Amino acid sequence: MQIVSLAIVSITFGEHIMRKSDANNRTSHLGQANQEHSPSEPTPLPLHVPINTRSMSLGLLAALASIFVLSWAKAVFIPLMTSLMLSYALSPAVNWLGHRRIPRWLGAAMILLTICSAIGIASYLLSNQATRLVVALPAAVEKFKMEIKPSDAHHDTTLETVQKAANQLEKAAGSQTEVHNSHEAMRVIVEPSNFNIKNYLWSSTIGLLTLLGQTAAVLFLTYFLIISGDSFRRKLIKLAGPNLSSKKITLQALHEITEQIQRYLLVQIFTSALVAVLTGLALLALGLQNAAVWGVVAGVLNLVPYVGSLITASTSGLVAFLQFGSLDMALVIGGVSLTIHTLVGNLLTPWLTSRSSQLSPVAVFVGLLAWGWLWGIWGLLLGVPILMIVKVVCDRLDGLKPIGEFLGT
């Protein structure tokens, strides 16, 4: 028992000594830290930022998978999003007809038939101009060659003289190589195949049939979305959850999406009408035939960012070259059309879009590049409405609020 008591006392004494030494060490470390830092400077505290690597990895994989699915299934997503945008655009007109005691199904059919008839009439009016343009295209090419052909008194520049000398040296080296290698190998020249108009027409016919099929699908889907009314909205609110707060957040998000998309469509209609009027008046002042028709074409193509302006400028310049026979006049008309598109599309449209949708102009530009890379021209048309939907959803989810803040102004 005495031995056990001595052992317990020795252990207790050793623990007391170790605790005392640890306290002395901590005191000495604090004294050194106080000596290193001046009294006026507080002791820096370490900032621990939690980084969840697993969540970041899963988020990145989900983003890459979403991009792959959107690209792979674009034949489904593009008609669906186009129909959704058309239903948002045409619902106010259908509602107005409904207030006049016209059934919703009949009002939607009347509006869609009116739009299709207007597109058909415009295509018929432009068909004659397009036919004359195709027939006169060989003559236009010959005129263009005569315009850019140098005169007989043209003197070679320094660059052209050096190029001719380089060609002569290359021919001399090639002749020497042929003499030495005449018994070793035979030179084979592969000529490219000639342009086959039948293959081109066949591929164009398949593309036209595909376009017609997608157009019919968009029209029918738009019609069914319009006549359904608020049924899908009520279903989404019902699926939001049993809580009243969840239903309220879902209803607010749907209302904001509807308002922003309709304001965006109004901005697009206003800017396209402005481009049509300015282009028609400018081309009429310059003396171009069918200036009103080309104004309408410019207004419609203004809906396609960046690409539509180039198409309008090139085609109007070609028509001007065929009419006036002057390259200067073609450049003037094409330049005027491109200037109008640039001023309205790059200055007025982004400003109005940012005010109507609360999207940052930088986010709009980057989003158009991304969706244009993903879906082509359809991505340029649908990119901004998709960004609006994404921003509204992100603003109401706690985990996605940083994305909404990044997209906002």
Protein backbone atom coordinates (compact mmCIF):
# COMPACT_ATOMS: atom_id res chain seq x y z
CA MET A 1 0.00 0.00 0.00
CA GLN A 2 2.83 2.37 0.75
CA ILE A 3 4.37 1.58 -2.61
CA VAL A 4 1.07 2.30 -4.35
CA SER A 5 0.69 5.57 -2.40
CA LEU A 6 4.22 6.63 -3.36
CA ALA A 7 3.50 5.84 -7.01
CA ILE A 8 0.31 7.91 -7.00
CA VAL A 9 2.07 10.85 -5.35
CA SER A 10 4.94 10.71 -7.85
CA ILE A 11 2.56 10.63 -10.82
CA THR A 12 0.55 13.57 -9.45
CA PHE A 13 3.73 15.55 -8.83
CA GLY A 14 5.00 14.83 -12.35
CA GLU A 15 1.73 15.99 -13.92
CA HIS A 16 1.90 19.18 -11.84
CA ILE A 17 5.43 19.86 -13.06
CA MET A 18 4.43 19.26 -16.74
CA ARG A 19 1.42 21.60 -16.50
CA LYS A 20 3.63 24.26 -14.96
CA SER A 21 6.22 23.93 -17.70
CA ASP A 22 3.50 24.17 -20.41
CA ALA A 23 2.14 27.34 -18.79
CA ASN A 24 5.65 28.84 -18.71
CA ASN A 25 6.14 27.99 -22.40
CA ARG A 26 2.84 29.65 -23.39
CA THR A 27 3.75 32.73 -21.36
CA SER A 28 7.14 32.97 -23.07
CA HIS A 29 5.53 32.63 -26.54
CA LEU A 30 3.05 35.39 -25.77
CA GLY A 31 5.85 37.63 -24.52
CA GLN A 32 7.79 37.08 -27.74
CA ALA A 33 4.69 37.83 -29.82
CA ASN A 34 4.07 41.04 -27.86
CA GLN A 35 7.67 42.07 -28.42
CA GLU A 36 7.43 41.43 -32.18
CA HIS A 37 4.22 43.45 -32.58
CA SER A 38 4.05 47.08 -31.50
CA PRO A 39 1.44 48.04 -28.90
CA SER A 40 -0.49 50.08 -31.50
CA GLU A 41 -0.89 47.09 -33.87
CA PRO A 42 -3.39 44.40 -32.84
CA THR A 43 -2.45 40.77 -33.04
CA PRO A 44 -3.52 39.41 -36.47
CA LEU A 45 -6.13 36.72 -36.36
CA PRO A 46 -6.08 33.92 -38.95
CA LEU A 47 -9.06 33.85 -41.32
CA HIS A 48 -10.32 30.36 -41.97
CA VAL A 49 -12.32 30.19 -45.19
CA PRO A 50 -14.05 26.85 -45.59
CA ILE A 51 -13.58 25.43 -49.07
CA ASN A 52 -15.71 22.46 -49.94
CA THR A 53 -13.74 20.80 -52.71
CA ARG A 54 -16.33 18.11 -53.18
CA SER A 55 -19.14 20.62 -53.77
CA MET A 56 -17.02 22.60 -56.24
CA SER A 57 -16.13 19.44 -58.16
CA LEU A 58 -19.76 18.32 -58.29
CA GLY A 59 -20.83 21.77 -59.45
CA LEU A 60 -18.24 21.80 -62.23
CA LEU A 61 -19.25 18.31 -63.39
CA ALA A 62 -22.92 19.34 -63.36
CA ALA A 63 -22.14 22.44 -65.46
CA LEU A 64 -20.18 20.40 -68.02
CA ALA A 65 -22.94 17.79 -68.17
CA SER A 66 -25.55 20.53 -68.70
CA ILE A 67 -23.53 22.03 -71.57
CA PHE A 68 -23.21 18.60 -73.19
CA VAL A 69 -26.94 17.89 -72.87
CA LEU A 70 -27.89 21.33 -74.24
CA SER A 71 -25.63 20.79 -77.26
CA TRP A 72 -26.64 17.17 -77.83
CA ALA A 73 -30.41 17.75 -77.49
CA LYS A 74 -30.57 21.17 -79.17
CA ALA A 75 -33.07 19.81 -81.71
CA VAL A 76 -35.51 19.55 -78.78
CA PHE A 77 -34.52 22.56 -76.69
CA ILE A 78 -34.45 25.12 -79.54
CA PRO A 79 -38.09 24.57 -80.69
CA LEU A 80 -39.19 24.41 -77.04
CA MET A 81 -37.54 27.72 -76.10
CA THR A 82 -38.68 29.39 -79.34
CA SER A 83 -42.28 28.33 -78.69
CA LEU A 84 -42.03 29.57 -75.12
CA MET A 85 -40.81 33.00 -76.28
CA LEU A 86 -43.56 33.21 -78.92
CA SER A 87 -46.21 32.28 -76.36
CA TYR A 88 -44.96 35.05 -74.06
CA ALA A 89 -45.02 37.51 -76.97
CA LEU A 90 -48.49 36.59 -78.25
CA SER A 91 -50.31 36.04 -74.95
CA PRO A 92 -51.18 39.76 -74.46
CA ALA A 93 -52.82 39.87 -77.90
CA VAL A 94 -54.75 36.67 -77.18
CA ASN A 95 -55.85 38.05 -73.81
CA TRP A 96 -57.05 41.24 -75.52
CA LEU A 97 -59.13 39.17 -77.94
CA GLY A 98 -60.45 37.17 -74.98
CA HIS A 99 -61.79 40.36 -73.42
CA ARG A 100 -63.73 40.87 -76.67
CA ARG A 101 -65.46 37.50 -76.08
CA ILE A 102 -63.35 35.63 -78.63
CA PRO A 103 -62.45 32.12 -77.43
CA ARG A 104 -58.82 31.57 -76.59
CA TRP A 105 -58.33 28.77 -79.08
CA LEU A 106 -59.82 30.86 -81.88
CA GLY A 107 -57.83 33.98 -80.98
CA ALA A 108 -54.55 32.03 -80.92
CA ALA A 109 -55.34 30.47 -84.30
CA MET A 110 -56.22 33.85 -85.82
CA ILE A 111 -52.99 35.47 -84.61
CA LEU A 112 -50.76 32.60 -85.79
CA LEU A 113 -52.47 32.52 -89.19
CA THR A 114 -52.03 36.29 -89.52
CA ILE A 115 -48.31 36.03 -88.75
CA CYS A 116 -47.84 33.15 -91.22
CA SER A 117 -49.74 35.08 -93.91
CA ALA A 118 -47.60 38.18 -93.36
CA ILE A 119 -44.42 36.11 -93.65
CA GLY A 120 -45.75 34.47 -96.84
CA ILE A 121 -46.65 37.82 -98.43
CA ALA A 122 -43.25 39.30 -97.56
CA SER A 123 -41.51 36.23 -99.00
CA TYR A 124 -43.53 36.54 -102.20
CA LEU A 125 -42.63 40.20 -102.56
CA LEU A 126 -38.97 39.42 -102.04
CA SER A 127 -38.97 36.37 -104.33
CA ASN A 128 -38.90 38.45 -107.51
CA GLN A 129 -36.04 40.53 -106.18
CA ALA A 130 -34.18 37.36 -105.15
CA THR A 131 -34.76 35.78 -108.57
CA ARG A 132 -33.39 38.85 -110.37
CA LEU A 133 -30.46 38.85 -107.98
CA VAL A 134 -29.60 35.21 -108.74
CA VAL A 135 -29.97 35.71 -112.50
CA ALA A 136 -27.79 38.82 -112.49
CA LEU A 137 -25.14 37.30 -110.23
CA PRO A 138 -22.77 36.17 -113.07
CA ALA A 139 -22.95 39.62 -114.64
CA ALA A 140 -22.26 41.17 -111.25
CA VAL A 141 -19.15 39.01 -110.86
CA GLU A 142 -17.89 40.14 -114.27
CA LYS A 143 -18.54 43.78 -113.39
CA PHE A 144 -16.73 43.35 -110.12
CA LYS A 145 -13.72 41.85 -111.91
CA MET A 146 -13.64 44.77 -114.34
CA GLU A 147 -13.82 47.23 -111.44
CA ILE A 148 -10.90 45.75 -109.56
CA LYS A 149 -8.83 44.90 -112.67
CA PRO A 150 -5.68 47.06 -112.75
CA SER A 151 -5.09 49.34 -115.71
CA ASP A 152 -2.40 48.77 -118.37
CA ALA A 153 -0.28 51.62 -117.05
CA HIS A 154 -0.10 49.96 -113.66
CA HIS A 155 3.46 49.67 -112.33
CA ASP A 156 4.54 46.89 -110.05
CA THR A 157 5.08 47.81 -106.46
CA THR A 158 8.11 46.69 -104.44
CA LEU A 159 6.14 43.85 -102.88
CA GLU A 160 4.95 42.60 -106.28
CA THR A 161 8.53 42.72 -107.66
CA VAL A 162 9.83 40.69 -104.71
CA GLN A 163 6.99 38.20 -105.15
CA LYS A 164 7.83 37.73 -108.84
CA ALA A 165 11.48 37.18 -108.00
CA ALA A 166 10.52 34.60 -105.37
CA ASN A 167 8.35 32.80 -107.91
CA GLN A 168 11.23 32.69 -110.42
CA LEU A 169 13.57 31.26 -107.76
CA GLU A 170 11.00 28.66 -106.79
CA LYS A 171 10.58 27.60 -110.42
CA ALA A 172 14.35 27.33 -110.87
CA ALA A 173 14.70 25.22 -107.72
CA GLY A 174 11.83 23.03 -108.82
CA SER A 175 13.37 22.40 -112.25
CA GLN A 176 16.68 21.39 -110.67
CA THR A 177 14.89 19.02 -108.30
CA GLU A 178 13.01 17.41 -111.18
CA VAL A 179 16.31 16.80 -113.05
CA HIS A 180 17.91 15.06 -110.06
CA ASN A 181 14.80 13.09 -109.07
CA SER A 182 13.51 12.13 -112.51
CA HIS A 183 14.57 8.49 -112.01
CA GLU A 184 13.53 8.28 -108.38
CA ALA A 185 9.91 9.38 -108.05
CA MET A 186 6.98 10.65 -110.04
CA ARG A 187 5.16 13.83 -109.02
CA VAL A 188 1.42 13.35 -108.53
CA ILE A 189 -0.92 16.33 -108.61
CA VAL A 190 -4.27 15.89 -106.89
CA GLU A 191 -6.91 18.14 -108.41
CA PRO A 192 -9.96 19.05 -106.34
CA SER A 193 -13.31 17.79 -107.54
CA ASN A 194 -15.55 20.18 -109.41
CA PHE A 195 -18.58 21.78 -107.79
CA ASN A 196 -21.55 19.45 -108.15
CA ILE A 197 -24.80 21.41 -108.21
CA LYS A 198 -26.90 18.24 -107.73
CA ASN A 199 -25.25 17.38 -104.43
CA TYR A 200 -25.64 20.97 -103.29
CA LEU A 201 -29.33 21.04 -104.20
CA TRP A 202 -29.90 17.70 -102.49
CA SER A 203 -28.29 18.85 -99.25
CA SER A 204 -30.16 22.16 -99.46
CA THR A 205 -33.46 20.30 -99.96
CA ILE A 206 -32.83 18.16 -96.89
CA GLY A 207 -31.99 21.27 -94.87
CA LEU A 208 -35.15 23.01 -96.13
CA LEU A 209 -37.34 20.04 -95.19
CA THR A 210 -35.76 19.96 -91.72
CA LEU A 211 -36.43 23.68 -91.32
CA LEU A 212 -40.06 23.25 -92.40
CA GLY A 213 -40.53 20.40 -89.93
CA GLN A 214 -39.08 22.42 -87.06
CA THR A 215 -41.22 25.42 -88.04
CA ALA A 216 -44.37 23.29 -87.97
CA ALA A 217 -43.37 21.89 -84.56
CA VAL A 218 -42.80 25.41 -83.22
CA LEU A 219 -46.18 26.62 -84.50
CA PHE A 220 -48.12 23.73 -82.98
CA LEU A 221 -46.26 23.93 -79.68
CA THR A 222 -46.82 27.69 -79.53
CA TYR A 223 -50.52 27.21 -80.17
CA PHE A 224 -50.88 24.64 -77.40
CA LEU A 225 -48.92 26.79 -74.95
CA ILE A 226 -51.14 29.79 -75.68
CA ILE A 227 -54.46 27.96 -75.33
CA SER A 228 -53.28 26.30 -72.11
CA GLY A 229 -53.28 29.71 -70.43
CA ASP A 230 -52.20 29.67 -66.78
CA SER A 231 -52.47 25.91 -66.31
CA PHE A 232 -48.70 25.33 -66.36
CA ARG A 233 -48.20 28.22 -63.94
CA ARG A 234 -50.71 26.73 -61.51
CA LYS A 235 -49.02 23.33 -61.78
CA LEU A 236 -45.61 24.82 -61.02
CA ILE A 237 -47.02 26.62 -57.98
CA LYS A 238 -48.62 23.38 -56.82
CA LEU A 239 -45.33 21.51 -57.22
CA ALA A 240 -43.39 24.21 -55.33
CA GLY A 241 -44.29 22.62 -51.99
CA PRO A 242 -46.90 22.69 -49.26
CA ASN A 243 -45.47 25.81 -47.62
CA LEU A 244 -47.14 29.12 -48.39
CA SER A 245 -43.74 30.86 -48.60
CA SER A 246 -42.53 28.47 -51.32
CA LYS A 247 -45.68 29.02 -53.35
CA LYS A 248 -45.32 32.80 -52.94
CA ILE A 249 -41.67 32.77 -54.10
CA THR A 250 -42.57 30.63 -57.12
CA LEU A 251 -45.45 32.94 -58.06
CA GLN A 252 -43.23 36.03 -57.77
CA ALA A 253 -40.53 34.40 -59.92
CA LEU A 254 -43.05 33.48 -62.63
CA HIS A 255 -44.52 36.99 -62.67
CA GLU A 256 -41.06 38.56 -62.93
CA ILE A 257 -40.02 36.20 -65.73
CA THR A 258 -43.18 37.08 -67.67
CA GLU A 259 -42.70 40.82 -67.22
CA GLN A 260 -39.01 40.82 -68.13
CA ILE A 261 -39.46 38.69 -71.25
CA GLN A 262 -42.35 40.84 -72.46
CA ARG A 263 -40.34 44.02 -71.85
CA TYR A 264 -37.40 42.51 -73.72
CA LEU A 265 -39.63 41.61 -76.67
CA LEU A 266 -41.01 45.15 -76.72
CA VAL A 267 -37.44 46.49 -76.82
CA GLN A 268 -36.63 44.20 -79.74
CA ILE A 269 -39.76 45.26 -81.63
CA PHE A 270 -39.00 48.94 -81.05
CA THR A 271 -35.36 48.71 -82.15
CA SER A 272 -36.23 46.58 -85.19
CA ALA A 273 -38.90 49.06 -86.26
CA LEU A 274 -36.41 51.91 -85.79
CA VAL A 275 -33.79 50.11 -87.91
CA ALA A 276 -36.41 49.40 -90.59
CA VAL A 277 -37.50 53.05 -90.81
CA LEU A 278 -33.98 54.50 -90.78
CA THR A 279 -32.66 51.98 -93.33
CA GLY A 280 -35.63 52.46 -95.66
CA LEU A 281 -35.34 56.26 -95.58
CA ALA A 282 -31.56 56.17 -96.08
CA LEU A 283 -31.73 53.77 -99.03
CA LEU A 284 -34.60 55.79 -100.54
CA ALA A 285 -32.51 58.96 -100.29
CA LEU A 286 -29.61 57.19 -102.01
CA GLY A 287 -31.87 56.08 -104.88
CA LEU A 288 -31.97 52.31 -104.30
CA GLN A 289 -34.94 50.52 -105.82
CA ASN A 290 -37.42 48.80 -103.44
CA ALA A 291 -35.98 50.71 -100.51
CA ALA A 292 -39.05 50.00 -98.36
CA VAL A 293 -38.68 46.26 -98.86
CA TRP A 294 -35.03 46.41 -97.89
CA GLY A 295 -35.98 48.42 -94.83
CA VAL A 296 -38.34 45.63 -93.75
CA VAL A 297 -35.60 43.06 -94.37
CA ALA A 298 -33.18 45.09 -92.25
CA GLY A 299 -35.73 45.31 -89.43
CA VAL A 300 -36.35 41.56 -89.42
CA LEU A 301 -32.66 40.68 -89.57
CA ASN A 302 -32.00 43.08 -86.71
CA LEU A 303 -33.47 40.40 -84.43
CA VAL A 304 -30.34 38.32 -85.10
CA PRO A 305 -27.47 40.04 -83.25
CA TYR A 306 -24.24 40.70 -85.19
CA VAL A 307 -25.04 38.30 -88.05
CA GLY A 308 -28.16 40.09 -89.32
CA SER A 309 -26.36 43.38 -89.86
CA LEU A 310 -23.67 41.71 -91.98
CA ILE A 311 -26.26 39.94 -94.14
CA THR A 312 -28.21 43.16 -94.70
CA ALA A 313 -25.10 45.19 -95.56
CA SER A 314 -23.71 42.60 -98.01
CA THR A 315 -27.00 41.95 -99.85
CA SER A 316 -27.97 45.62 -100.12
CA GLY A 317 -24.46 46.45 -101.34
CA LEU A 318 -24.71 43.72 -104.00
CA VAL A 319 -28.10 44.98 -105.16
CA ALA A 320 -26.73 48.53 -105.33
CA PHE A 321 -23.78 47.31 -107.40
CA LEU A 322 -26.17 45.61 -109.84
CA GLN A 323 -28.36 48.72 -110.11
CA PHE A 324 -25.75 51.46 -110.34
CA GLY A 325 -22.82 49.47 -111.75
CA SER A 326 -20.45 51.31 -109.43
CA LEU A 327 -18.37 49.82 -106.65
CA ASP A 328 -18.32 53.14 -104.79
CA MET A 329 -22.12 53.26 -104.64
CA ALA A 330 -22.25 49.68 -103.41
CA LEU A 331 -19.81 50.47 -100.61
CA VAL A 332 -21.77 53.59 -99.64
CA ILE A 333 -25.11 51.76 -99.39
CA GLY A 334 -23.62 48.78 -97.59
CA GLY A 335 -21.76 51.10 -95.22
CA VAL A 336 -24.88 53.13 -94.42
CA SER A 337 -26.86 49.98 -93.63
CA LEU A 338 -24.06 48.62 -91.43
CA THR A 339 -23.70 51.96 -89.63
CA ILE A 340 -27.39 52.08 -88.74
CA HIS A 341 -27.30 48.50 -87.44
CA THR A 342 -24.15 49.19 -85.44
CA LEU A 343 -25.43 52.36 -83.78
CA VAL A 344 -28.81 50.89 -82.86
CA GLY A 345 -27.56 47.40 -82.04
CA ASN A 346 -24.44 48.29 -80.05
CA LEU A 347 -25.56 51.48 -78.30
CA LEU A 348 -29.34 51.72 -78.00
CA THR A 349 -30.30 48.03 -77.72
CA PRO A 350 -27.88 47.07 -74.88
CA TRP A 351 -28.88 50.16 -72.89
CA LEU A 352 -32.61 49.47 -73.25
CA THR A 353 -32.09 45.77 -72.55
CA SER A 354 -30.13 46.43 -69.35
CA ARG A 355 -32.84 48.82 -68.13
CA SER A 356 -35.72 46.49 -68.94
CA SER A 357 -34.16 43.27 -67.65
CA GLN A 358 -31.67 44.44 -64.98
CA LEU A 359 -28.93 42.46 -66.72
CA SER A 360 -25.37 43.67 -66.95
CA PRO A 361 -24.30 44.61 -70.52
CA VAL A 362 -21.12 42.57 -70.01
CA ALA A 363 -23.18 39.55 -68.95
CA VAL A 364 -25.43 40.03 -71.99
CA PHE A 365 -22.46 40.16 -74.38
CA VAL A 366 -20.72 37.14 -72.83
CA GLY A 367 -24.00 35.24 -72.72
CA LEU A 368 -24.63 35.90 -76.41
CA LEU A 369 -21.16 34.62 -77.25
CA ALA A 370 -21.71 31.47 -75.18
CA TRP A 371 -25.19 30.69 -76.51
CA GLY A 372 -24.13 31.55 -80.06
CA TRP A 373 -21.27 29.05 -79.75
CA LEU A 374 -23.68 26.47 -78.33
CA TRP A 375 -26.73 26.86 -80.60
CA GLY A 376 -25.57 29.10 -83.46
CA ILE A 377 -28.02 31.73 -84.72
CA TRP A 378 -30.78 30.34 -82.51
CA GLY A 379 -28.52 30.86 -79.51
CA LEU A 380 -28.10 34.52 -80.47
CA LEU A 381 -31.88 34.88 -80.63
CA LEU A 382 -32.68 33.05 -77.39
CA GLY A 383 -29.60 33.87 -75.30
CA VAL A 384 -30.89 37.00 -73.56
CA PRO A 385 -34.31 35.54 -72.53
CA ILE A 386 -32.56 32.47 -71.13
CA LEU A 387 -30.22 34.71 -69.13
CA MET A 388 -33.27 36.56 -67.76
CA ILE A 389 -34.82 33.31 -66.57
CA VAL A 390 -31.55 32.17 -65.01
CA LYS A 391 -31.14 35.47 -63.15
CA VAL A 392 -34.68 35.46 -61.76
CA VAL A 393 -34.29 31.89 -60.50
CA CYS A 394 -30.83 32.55 -59.01
CA ASP A 395 -32.05 35.68 -57.18
CA ARG A 396 -34.55 33.58 -55.24
CA LEU A 397 -32.34 30.63 -54.29
CA ASP A 398 -29.89 31.17 -51.44
CA GLY A 399 -27.22 28.90 -52.91
CA LEU A 400 -27.34 30.59 -56.33
CA LYS A 401 -27.59 34.26 -55.30
CA PRO A 402 -23.90 34.95 -56.22
CA ILE A 403 -24.69 33.98 -59.84
CA GLY A 404 -27.68 36.33 -59.88
CA GLU A 405 -25.53 39.11 -58.44
CA PHE A 406 -22.92 38.51 -61.15
CA LEU A 407 -25.52 38.68 -63.93
CA GLY A 408 -27.21 41.81 -62.56
CA THR A 409 -26.34 45.45 -63.08
